[in-house]
Amino acid sequence: MSLERNSGTGAMKRVQFSVTYPDRFVHPLQQRLMETQISRAELLMWSPTDDATTLFWCDGNREATEQLVTGLDSLLVSTAVDVSDGTCVFLQQADYEFSPAILETIADAAVIFLPPVVFLETGEVQFEAAGESAALSTFYEDLSDLGVVTVEQVHAFERRSTPSALTDRQRAALEAAVSVGYYEVPRNGTVADVAAVLECSSSTAGELLRKAEAAVVTGFLERR
């Protein structure tokens, strides 16, 4: 596979991969995931140092998450924290427990890996990498020697200073809408209420809300 097609040599790309490894390369945490009631674990952050300190999110409760991680041979310390949509857990391990073949492929890759790394109960691992097209193609070929790799999406790489390009006025409109209950279920506030807070016409308030909502949704979908 070549990611250089229609992009020109050296073009920067952001690629979403999914890979299914044979049993000998499956990470111990994912192996345990496939045996529990948790269906998804996301590696959100990891330290760039030899001490394997990581932050995971799991789509289960604290008890299920603690059961998931306590069986890891390399585990030194774990701290679980309840969040609204699951459980976050800080892990300190003696090592990352990835297969040496996978670690070598990652170390040799001339690309950057973007969080999160998603482990699914199906055995799939999903992640994004960014880099020059030629380097991404080489990484794809090397990783294909270890497992079944699928390229899910390819995007041009763009640096964004904020997740969504909201103007100050659009941000103020969203804040006003929240304050008057416009987004509550059932809805309590109206566009006219938003306009009163902003001291503008209802048509202007409605336009600001539509543009702000479009920017937020577009930013969310691009990040996904």
Protein backbone atom coordinates (compact mmCIF):
# COMPACT_ATOMS: atom_id res chain seq x y z
CA MET A 1 0.00 0.00 0.00
CA SER A 2 1.17 3.53 -0.74
CA LEU A 3 -0.10 6.61 1.04
CA GLU A 4 1.77 8.86 -1.37
CA ARG A 5 -0.85 8.51 -4.12
CA ASN A 6 -2.42 11.87 -5.05
CA SER A 7 -0.54 13.57 -2.24
CA GLY A 8 2.98 14.10 -3.49
CA THR A 9 6.15 12.79 -1.89
CA GLY A 10 6.70 14.27 1.56
CA ALA A 11 3.08 15.31 2.12
CA MET A 12 2.03 15.15 5.76
CA LYS A 13 -0.85 12.79 6.50
CA ARG A 14 -2.83 11.62 9.51
CA VAL A 15 -3.88 7.98 9.20
CA GLN A 16 -6.25 5.91 11.33
CA PHE A 17 -5.18 2.27 11.50
CA SER A 18 -6.78 -0.83 12.97
CA VAL A 19 -4.79 -4.00 13.50
CA THR A 20 -5.58 -7.49 14.74
CA TYR A 21 -2.57 -9.38 16.05
CA PRO A 22 -2.07 -13.13 16.35
CA ASP A 23 -2.28 -14.45 19.91
CA ARG A 24 1.46 -14.26 20.51
CA PHE A 25 1.41 -10.47 20.00
CA VAL A 26 -1.82 -9.62 21.85
CA HIS A 27 -1.16 -7.30 24.80
CA PRO A 28 -1.97 -8.86 28.20
CA LEU A 29 -4.44 -6.08 29.02
CA GLN A 30 -6.33 -6.71 25.80
CA GLN A 31 -6.28 -10.45 26.45
CA ARG A 32 -7.92 -9.81 29.81
CA LEU A 33 -10.31 -7.33 28.17
CA MET A 34 -11.57 -10.11 25.91
CA GLU A 35 -12.41 -12.14 29.02
CA THR A 36 -14.28 -9.45 30.99
CA GLN A 37 -17.45 -7.37 30.70
CA ILE A 38 -15.43 -4.33 29.58
CA SER A 39 -15.60 -3.87 25.82
CA ARG A 40 -13.29 -0.91 25.28
CA ALA A 41 -10.14 0.46 26.89
CA GLU A 42 -8.35 3.59 25.68
CA LEU A 43 -4.72 4.37 26.38
CA LEU A 44 -5.03 8.14 26.77
CA MET A 45 -1.53 9.16 27.86
CA TRP A 46 1.80 7.50 28.41
CA SER A 47 5.12 8.69 29.77
CA PRO A 48 8.07 9.10 27.39
CA THR A 49 10.40 7.57 29.97
CA ASP A 50 11.37 4.03 30.91
CA ASP A 51 8.97 3.93 33.86
CA ALA A 52 5.74 2.77 32.24
CA THR A 53 3.27 5.30 33.63
CA THR A 54 -0.02 5.38 31.73
CA LEU A 55 -3.55 6.73 31.93
CA PHE A 56 -6.30 4.43 30.69
CA TRP A 57 -10.03 4.94 30.29
CA CYS A 58 -12.35 1.91 30.39
CA ASP A 59 -16.06 1.70 29.60
CA GLY A 60 -16.80 -0.25 32.78
CA ASN A 61 -17.27 0.59 36.44
CA ARG A 62 -14.43 0.85 38.94
CA GLU A 63 -14.72 -2.73 40.18
CA ALA A 64 -14.57 -4.18 36.66
CA THR A 65 -11.67 -1.89 35.72
CA GLU A 66 -9.67 -2.83 38.81
CA GLN A 67 -10.22 -6.50 38.02
CA LEU A 68 -9.00 -5.86 34.49
CA VAL A 69 -5.67 -4.31 35.49
CA THR A 70 -4.76 -6.16 38.68
CA GLY A 71 -3.81 -9.29 36.73
CA LEU A 72 -1.04 -7.53 34.80
CA ASP A 73 2.31 -9.10 35.74
CA SER A 74 4.18 -5.80 35.46
CA LEU A 75 1.74 -3.76 37.57
CA LEU A 76 3.30 -1.80 40.45
CA VAL A 77 0.60 0.72 41.40
CA SER A 78 -2.90 1.47 40.09
CA THR A 79 -5.38 4.19 41.03
CA ALA A 80 -8.94 4.12 39.66
CA VAL A 81 -11.13 7.23 39.40
CA ASP A 82 -14.83 7.25 38.50
CA VAL A 83 -15.80 9.47 35.56
CA SER A 84 -19.20 10.11 34.01
CA ASP A 85 -18.82 7.60 31.17
CA GLY A 86 -16.64 4.91 32.74
CA THR A 87 -13.47 4.70 34.81
CA CYS A 88 -10.02 6.24 34.45
CA VAL A 89 -7.09 4.34 35.91
CA PHE A 90 -3.50 5.46 36.42
CA LEU A 91 -1.03 2.62 36.03
CA GLN A 92 2.62 2.35 37.02
CA GLN A 93 4.21 -0.75 35.53
CA ALA A 94 7.68 -2.26 35.42
CA ASP A 95 7.35 -2.26 31.63
CA TYR A 96 4.70 -1.75 28.98
CA GLU A 97 4.37 -5.49 28.24
CA PHE A 98 4.13 -4.99 24.50
CA SER A 99 5.70 -7.67 22.34
CA PRO A 100 9.36 -6.87 21.51
CA ALA A 101 8.50 -7.21 17.81
CA ILE A 102 5.80 -4.52 18.13
CA LEU A 103 8.02 -2.23 20.18
CA GLU A 104 10.80 -2.58 17.62
CA THR A 105 8.42 -1.70 14.78
CA ILE A 106 7.19 1.35 16.70
CA ALA A 107 10.72 2.45 17.58
CA ASP A 108 11.88 2.15 13.97
CA ALA A 109 8.87 4.02 12.55
CA ALA A 110 9.53 7.56 11.38
CA VAL A 111 6.03 8.65 12.38
CA ILE A 112 4.30 10.06 15.45
CA PHE A 113 1.54 8.16 17.27
CA LEU A 114 -1.48 10.16 18.44
CA PRO A 115 -3.57 9.25 21.49
CA PRO A 116 -5.72 7.44 22.21
CA VAL A 117 -4.75 3.86 21.43
CA VAL A 118 -8.02 1.90 21.57
CA PHE A 119 -8.18 -1.74 22.66
CA LEU A 120 -11.44 -3.52 21.78
CA GLU A 121 -12.90 -6.77 23.09
CA THR A 122 -12.97 -8.00 19.49
CA GLY A 123 -9.16 -8.10 19.51
CA GLU A 124 -8.73 -5.03 17.33
CA VAL A 125 -6.35 -2.21 18.23
CA GLN A 126 -7.14 1.21 16.74
CA PHE A 127 -4.80 4.21 16.66
CA GLU A 128 -3.72 7.18 14.58
CA ALA A 129 -0.27 8.01 13.26
CA ALA A 130 0.99 11.17 11.58
CA GLY A 131 3.95 11.71 9.32
CA GLU A 132 5.16 11.91 5.75
CA SER A 133 3.30 9.70 3.31
CA ALA A 134 6.38 7.59 2.49
CA ALA A 135 7.12 6.97 6.19
CA LEU A 136 3.50 6.01 6.86
CA SER A 137 3.57 3.57 3.94
CA THR A 138 6.75 1.98 5.28
CA PHE A 139 5.22 1.69 8.74
CA TYR A 140 2.09 0.08 7.25
CA GLU A 141 4.21 -2.52 5.45
CA ASP A 142 6.28 -3.29 8.56
CA LEU A 143 3.20 -3.58 10.77
CA SER A 144 1.54 -5.86 8.22
CA ASP A 145 4.28 -8.41 8.92
CA LEU A 146 2.94 -8.65 12.49
CA GLY A 147 -0.84 -8.63 12.05
CA VAL A 148 -3.82 -7.87 9.84
CA VAL A 149 -3.79 -4.11 9.25
CA THR A 150 -6.58 -1.94 7.86
CA VAL A 151 -6.34 1.73 6.94
CA GLU A 152 -9.63 3.19 8.19
CA GLN A 153 -9.17 6.85 7.23
CA VAL A 154 -6.55 9.13 5.69
CA HIS A 155 -6.56 12.89 6.25
CA ALA A 156 -4.24 15.72 5.40
CA PHE A 157 -2.39 16.70 8.57
CA GLU A 158 -3.41 20.09 9.92
CA ARG A 159 -2.28 21.89 13.03
CA ARG A 160 -5.19 23.41 14.92
CA SER A 161 -4.81 25.76 17.86
CA THR A 162 -8.31 24.90 19.13
CA PRO A 163 -10.60 21.88 18.62
CA SER A 164 -13.19 24.07 16.92
CA ALA A 165 -12.79 27.45 15.25
CA LEU A 166 -15.27 29.42 17.35
CA THR A 167 -15.26 33.20 17.28
CA ASP A 168 -15.60 35.06 20.57
CA ARG A 169 -19.16 36.02 19.62
CA GLN A 170 -20.10 32.41 18.80
CA ARG A 171 -18.62 31.22 22.09
CA ALA A 172 -20.63 33.87 23.93
CA ALA A 173 -23.77 32.66 22.17
CA LEU A 174 -23.19 29.09 23.33
CA GLU A 175 -22.52 30.24 26.88
CA ALA A 176 -25.71 32.32 26.84
CA ALA A 177 -27.69 29.36 25.47
CA VAL A 178 -26.46 27.12 28.29
CA SER A 179 -27.24 29.79 30.90
CA VAL A 180 -30.88 30.17 29.77
CA GLY A 181 -31.51 26.42 29.49
CA TYR A 182 -31.59 26.29 25.70
CA TYR A 183 -29.84 22.89 25.65
CA GLU A 184 -31.71 21.34 28.55
CA VAL A 185 -34.08 18.41 28.00
CA PRO A 186 -36.84 19.44 27.82
CA ARG A 187 -35.69 22.81 26.48
CA ASN A 188 -36.40 25.71 28.83
CA GLY A 189 -34.83 28.65 27.01
CA THR A 190 -35.46 30.08 23.56
CA VAL A 191 -33.44 31.87 20.90
CA ALA A 192 -35.17 35.05 22.09
CA ASP A 193 -33.74 34.43 25.58
CA VAL A 194 -30.28 34.02 24.10
CA ALA A 195 -30.76 37.23 22.14
CA ALA A 196 -31.72 39.06 25.35
CA VAL A 197 -28.50 37.98 27.05
CA LEU A 198 -26.42 38.97 24.03
CA GLU A 199 -28.43 42.19 23.52
CA CYS A 200 -28.99 41.46 19.85
CA SER A 201 -31.89 40.46 17.59
CA SER A 202 -33.30 36.94 17.61
CA SER A 203 -32.21 36.43 13.99
CA THR A 204 -28.62 37.35 14.90
CA ALA A 205 -28.66 35.08 17.95
CA GLY A 206 -30.03 32.20 15.86
CA GLU A 207 -27.34 32.64 13.24
CA LEU A 208 -24.59 32.75 15.88
CA LEU A 209 -25.90 29.54 17.45
CA ARG A 210 -26.12 27.71 14.13
CA LYS A 211 -22.56 28.65 13.15
CA ALA A 212 -21.21 27.80 16.61
CA GLU A 213 -22.96 24.43 16.64
CA ALA A 214 -21.66 23.65 13.15
CA ALA A 215 -18.08 24.47 14.22
CA VAL A 216 -18.32 22.31 17.36
CA VAL A 217 -19.82 19.32 15.53
CA THR A 218 -17.32 19.58 12.67
CA GLY A 219 -14.42 19.75 15.13
CA PHE A 220 -15.71 16.71 17.02
CA LEU A 221 -16.11 14.61 13.86
CA GLU A 222 -12.65 15.56 12.60
CA ARG A 223 -11.08 14.52 15.90
CA ARG A 224 -12.92 11.17 15.74
